[in-house]
C-alpha atoms as a PDB file:
ATOM      1  CA  MET A   1      34.533   4.299  -4.369  1.00  0.00           C
ATOM      2  CA  GLU A   2      34.850   6.054  -1.034  1.00  0.00           C
ATOM      3  CA  PHE A   3      33.752   9.298  -2.713  1.00  0.00           C
ATOM      4  CA  LEU A   4      30.599   7.663  -4.133  1.00  0.00           C
ATOM      5  CA  ARG A   5      29.836   6.080  -0.782  1.00  0.00           C
ATOM      6  CA  ASP A   6      30.022   9.462   0.943  1.00  0.00           C
ATOM      7  CA  LYS A   7      27.834  11.115  -1.731  1.00  0.00           C
ATOM      8  CA  ILE A   8      25.162   8.420  -1.393  1.00  0.00           C
ATOM      9  CA  LYS A   9      25.113   8.824   2.382  1.00  0.00           C
ATOM     10  CA  GLN A  10      25.011  12.612   2.111  1.00  0.00           C
ATOM     11  CA  GLU A  11      22.397  13.003  -0.645  1.00  0.00           C
ATOM     12  CA  PHE A  12      20.074  10.069   0.011  1.00  0.00           C
ATOM     13  CA  ASN A  13      20.702   9.398   3.702  1.00  0.00           C
ATOM     14  CA  LEU A  14      21.228   5.721   2.867  1.00  0.00           C
ATOM     15  CA  GLU A  15      23.785   3.384   4.333  1.00  0.00           C
ATOM     16  CA  CYS A  16      26.222   2.310   1.653  1.00  0.00           C
ATOM     17  CA  TYR A  17      28.303  -0.835   2.034  1.00  0.00           C
ATOM     18  CA  MET A  18      31.753  -1.467   0.627  1.00  0.00           C
ATOM     19  CA  PRO A  19      32.516  -5.181   0.829  1.00  0.00           C
ATOM     20  CA  ALA A  20      36.042  -6.217  -0.029  1.00  0.00           C
ATOM     21  CA  ASN A  21      36.708  -8.025  -3.309  1.00  0.00           C
ATOM     22  CA  GLY A  22      34.983 -11.383  -3.279  1.00  0.00           C
ATOM     23  CA  GLU A  23      33.141 -10.581  -0.052  1.00  0.00           C
ATOM     24  CA  THR A  24      29.352 -10.773   0.166  1.00  0.00           C
ATOM     25  CA  CYS A  25      27.203  -8.222   1.929  1.00  0.00           C
ATOM     26  CA  LEU A  26      23.635  -9.065   2.981  1.00  0.00           C
ATOM     27  CA  ILE A  27      21.188  -6.173   3.119  1.00  0.00           C
ATOM     28  CA  PRO A  28      17.811  -6.904   4.741  1.00  0.00           C
ATOM     29  CA  THR A  29      14.844  -5.452   2.867  1.00  0.00           C
ATOM     30  CA  PRO A  30      11.166  -5.606   3.796  1.00  0.00           C
ATOM     31  CA  HIS A  31       8.996  -7.390   1.255  1.00  0.00           C
ATOM     32  CA  LYS A  32       5.952  -5.365   0.314  1.00  0.00           C
ATOM     33  CA  PHE A  33       3.221  -6.261  -2.142  1.00  0.00           C
ATOM     34  CA  THR A  34       1.184  -3.641  -3.981  1.00  0.00           C
ATOM     35  CA  TYR A  35      -1.874  -4.098  -6.172  1.00  0.00           C
ATOM     36  CA  THR A  36      -4.056  -1.610  -8.005  1.00  0.00           C
ATOM     37  CA  VAL A  37      -7.793  -2.072  -8.498  1.00  0.00           C
ATOM     38  CA  LYS A  38      -9.839   0.260 -10.713  1.00  0.00           C
ATOM     39  CA  LEU A  39     -13.281   1.293  -9.454  1.00  0.00           C
ATOM     40  CA  GLU A  40     -15.951   3.461 -11.014  1.00  0.00           C
ATOM     41  CA  ASP A  41     -17.421   5.972  -8.589  1.00  0.00           C
ATOM     42  CA  PRO A  42     -18.563   9.508  -9.477  1.00  0.00           C
ATOM     43  CA  THR A  43     -17.845  10.913  -5.993  1.00  0.00           C
ATOM     44  CA  PRO A  44     -14.516  12.503  -4.947  1.00  0.00           C
ATOM     45  CA  SER A  45     -11.714  10.166  -3.857  1.00  0.00           C
ATOM     46  CA  TYR A  46     -12.228  10.998  -0.176  1.00  0.00           C
ATOM     47  CA  LYS A  47     -15.901   9.932  -0.360  1.00  0.00           C
ATOM     48  CA  THR A  48     -14.942   6.757  -2.220  1.00  0.00           C
ATOM     49  CA  ALA A  49     -12.503   5.949   0.589  1.00  0.00           C
ATOM     50  CA  GLU A  50     -15.260   6.533   3.163  1.00  0.00           C
ATOM     51  CA  LYS A  51     -17.533   4.091   1.288  1.00  0.00           C
ATOM     52  CA  LEU A  52     -14.755   1.501   1.251  1.00  0.00           C
ATOM     53  CA  LEU A  53     -14.168   2.088   4.965  1.00  0.00           C
ATOM     54  CA  LYS A  54     -17.783   1.126   5.731  1.00  0.00           C
ATOM     55  CA  ILE A  55     -17.516  -1.992   3.569  1.00  0.00           C
ATOM     56  CA  PHE A  56     -14.283  -3.098   5.253  1.00  0.00           C
ATOM     57  CA  GLN A  57     -15.680  -2.423   8.728  1.00  0.00           C
ATOM     58  CA  GLU A  58     -18.648  -4.683   7.903  1.00  0.00           C
ATOM     59  CA  LYS A  59     -16.660  -7.484   6.280  1.00  0.00           C
ATOM     60  CA  LEU A  60     -13.497  -7.498   8.410  1.00  0.00           C
ATOM     61  CA  THR A  61     -14.991  -8.154  11.816  1.00  0.00           C
ATOM     62  CA  GLY A  62     -12.345  -8.764  14.436  1.00  0.00           C
ATOM     63  CA  TRP A  63      -9.869  -6.419  12.742  1.00  0.00           C
ATOM     64  CA  THR A  64      -9.240  -2.792  13.611  1.00  0.00           C
ATOM     65  CA  VAL A  65      -9.994  -0.710  10.525  1.00  0.00           C
ATOM     66  CA  LEU A  66      -8.598   2.841  10.749  1.00  0.00           C
ATOM     67  CA  PHE A  67      -9.181   5.871   8.528  1.00  0.00           C
ATOM     68  CA  THR A  68      -6.431   8.497   8.615  1.00  0.00           C
ATOM     69  CA  ASP A  69      -5.689  11.271   6.121  1.00  0.00           C
ATOM     70  CA  GLY A  70      -7.911   9.701   3.471  1.00  0.00           C
ATOM     71  CA  ALA A  71      -6.220   6.281   3.710  1.00  0.00           C
ATOM     72  CA  ILE A  72      -7.577   3.093   5.245  1.00  0.00           C
ATOM     73  CA  SER A  73      -5.319   0.791   7.244  1.00  0.00           C
ATOM     74  CA  VAL A  74      -5.850  -2.677   8.676  1.00  0.00           C
ATOM     75  CA  GLU A  75      -2.731  -3.970  10.487  1.00  0.00           C
ATOM     76  CA  SER A  76       0.081  -3.402   7.943  1.00  0.00           C
ATOM     77  CA  VAL A  77      -2.340  -3.288   4.987  1.00  0.00           C
ATOM     78  CA  LEU A  78      -2.726   0.202   3.536  1.00  0.00           C
ATOM     79  CA  ILE A  79      -5.530   1.151   1.132  1.00  0.00           C
ATOM     80  CA  LYS A  80      -5.393   4.474  -0.732  1.00  0.00           C
ATOM     81  CA  VAL A  81      -7.861   5.868  -3.244  1.00  0.00           C
ATOM     82  CA  GLU A  82      -6.654   8.215  -5.952  1.00  0.00           C
ATOM     83  CA  GLY A  83      -8.270   9.699  -8.997  1.00  0.00           C
ATOM     84  CA  SER A  84     -10.078  12.734 -10.237  1.00  0.00           C
ATOM     85  CA  GLU A  85     -13.610  13.611  -9.294  1.00  0.00           C
ATOM     86  CA  HIS A  86     -14.759  11.756 -12.383  1.00  0.00           C
ATOM     87  CA  ASP A  87     -15.791   8.128 -12.484  1.00  0.00           C
ATOM     88  CA  LEU A  88     -12.575   6.079 -12.534  1.00  0.00           C
ATOM     89  CA  LYS A  89     -10.595   5.716  -9.304  1.00  0.00           C
ATOM     90  CA  SER A  90      -7.423   3.748  -8.595  1.00  0.00           C
ATOM     91  CA  VAL A  91      -7.427   1.875  -5.302  1.00  0.00           C
ATOM     92  CA  TYR A  92      -3.910   0.950  -4.183  1.00  0.00           C
ATOM     93  CA  ILE A  93      -3.535  -1.901  -1.702  1.00  0.00           C
ATOM     94  CA  SER A  94      -0.139  -2.679  -0.184  1.00  0.00           C
ATOM     95  CA  TRP A  95       0.969  -4.994   2.607  1.00  0.00           C
ATOM     96  CA  THR A  96       4.008  -6.654   4.072  1.00  0.00           C
ATOM     97  CA  ASN A  97       4.781 -10.336   3.758  1.00  0.00           C
ATOM     98  CA  GLN A  98       3.548 -11.101   7.288  1.00  0.00           C
ATOM     99  CA  ASP A  99       0.018  -9.872   6.426  1.00  0.00           C
ATOM    100  CA  GLU A 100      -0.278 -11.795   3.143  1.00  0.00           C
ATOM    101  CA  GLU A 101      -3.532 -13.521   4.106  1.00  0.00           C
ATOM    102  CA  LEU A 102      -5.214 -10.292   5.234  1.00  0.00           C
ATOM    103  CA  GLY A 103      -3.957  -8.417   2.171  1.00  0.00           C
ATOM    104  CA  MET A 104      -5.331 -11.070  -0.168  1.00  0.00           C
ATOM    105  CA  THR A 105      -8.673 -11.031   1.690  1.00  0.00           C
ATOM    106  CA  ILE A 106      -8.962  -7.261   1.208  1.00  0.00           C
ATOM    107  CA  LEU A 107      -7.975  -7.590  -2.451  1.00  0.00           C
ATOM    108  CA  GLU A 108     -10.650 -10.268  -2.948  1.00  0.00           C
ATOM    109  CA  ILE A 109     -13.277  -8.024  -1.317  1.00  0.00           C
ATOM    110  CA  LEU A 110     -12.409  -5.226  -3.744  1.00  0.00           C
ATOM    111  CA  GLN A 111     -12.342  -7.532  -6.755  1.00  0.00           C
ATOM    112  CA  SER A 112     -15.687  -9.111  -5.813  1.00  0.00           C
ATOM    113  CA  MET A 113     -17.312  -5.678  -5.991  1.00  0.00           C
ATOM    114  CA  GLY A 114     -16.690  -5.624  -9.726  1.00  0.00           C
ATOM    115  CA  HIS A 115     -15.618  -2.274 -11.069  1.00  0.00           C
ATOM    116  CA  GLU A 116     -18.446  -0.210  -9.616  1.00  0.00           C
ATOM    117  CA  LEU A 117     -18.887   1.131  -6.116  1.00  0.00           C
ATOM    118  CA  SER A 118     -22.512   1.686  -5.156  1.00  0.00           C
END
């Protein structure tokens, strides 16, 4: 077991625990929620993200909406647009447990748009 522990640390740079028989080890993990929404938009993904940025800036007053490297972020909520330059795009929304309300609000905004982005 010691060998496996060392290999895991070496190859994956992850802490590996070795509790004794019958002993419990608690490992804290951040809870993150991810949803995917499909949108139809004939423009490139970057332009689709810019359109979404404007919508979020209008609808999320009081929040700081940032646009970095083609991704939109509001607090811990991250919105990424992926897809080819053809119509269908995948919009990925992810957030941590503490921003559940904000994440759901953003998801509802996207879902209320239907499947088309004007």
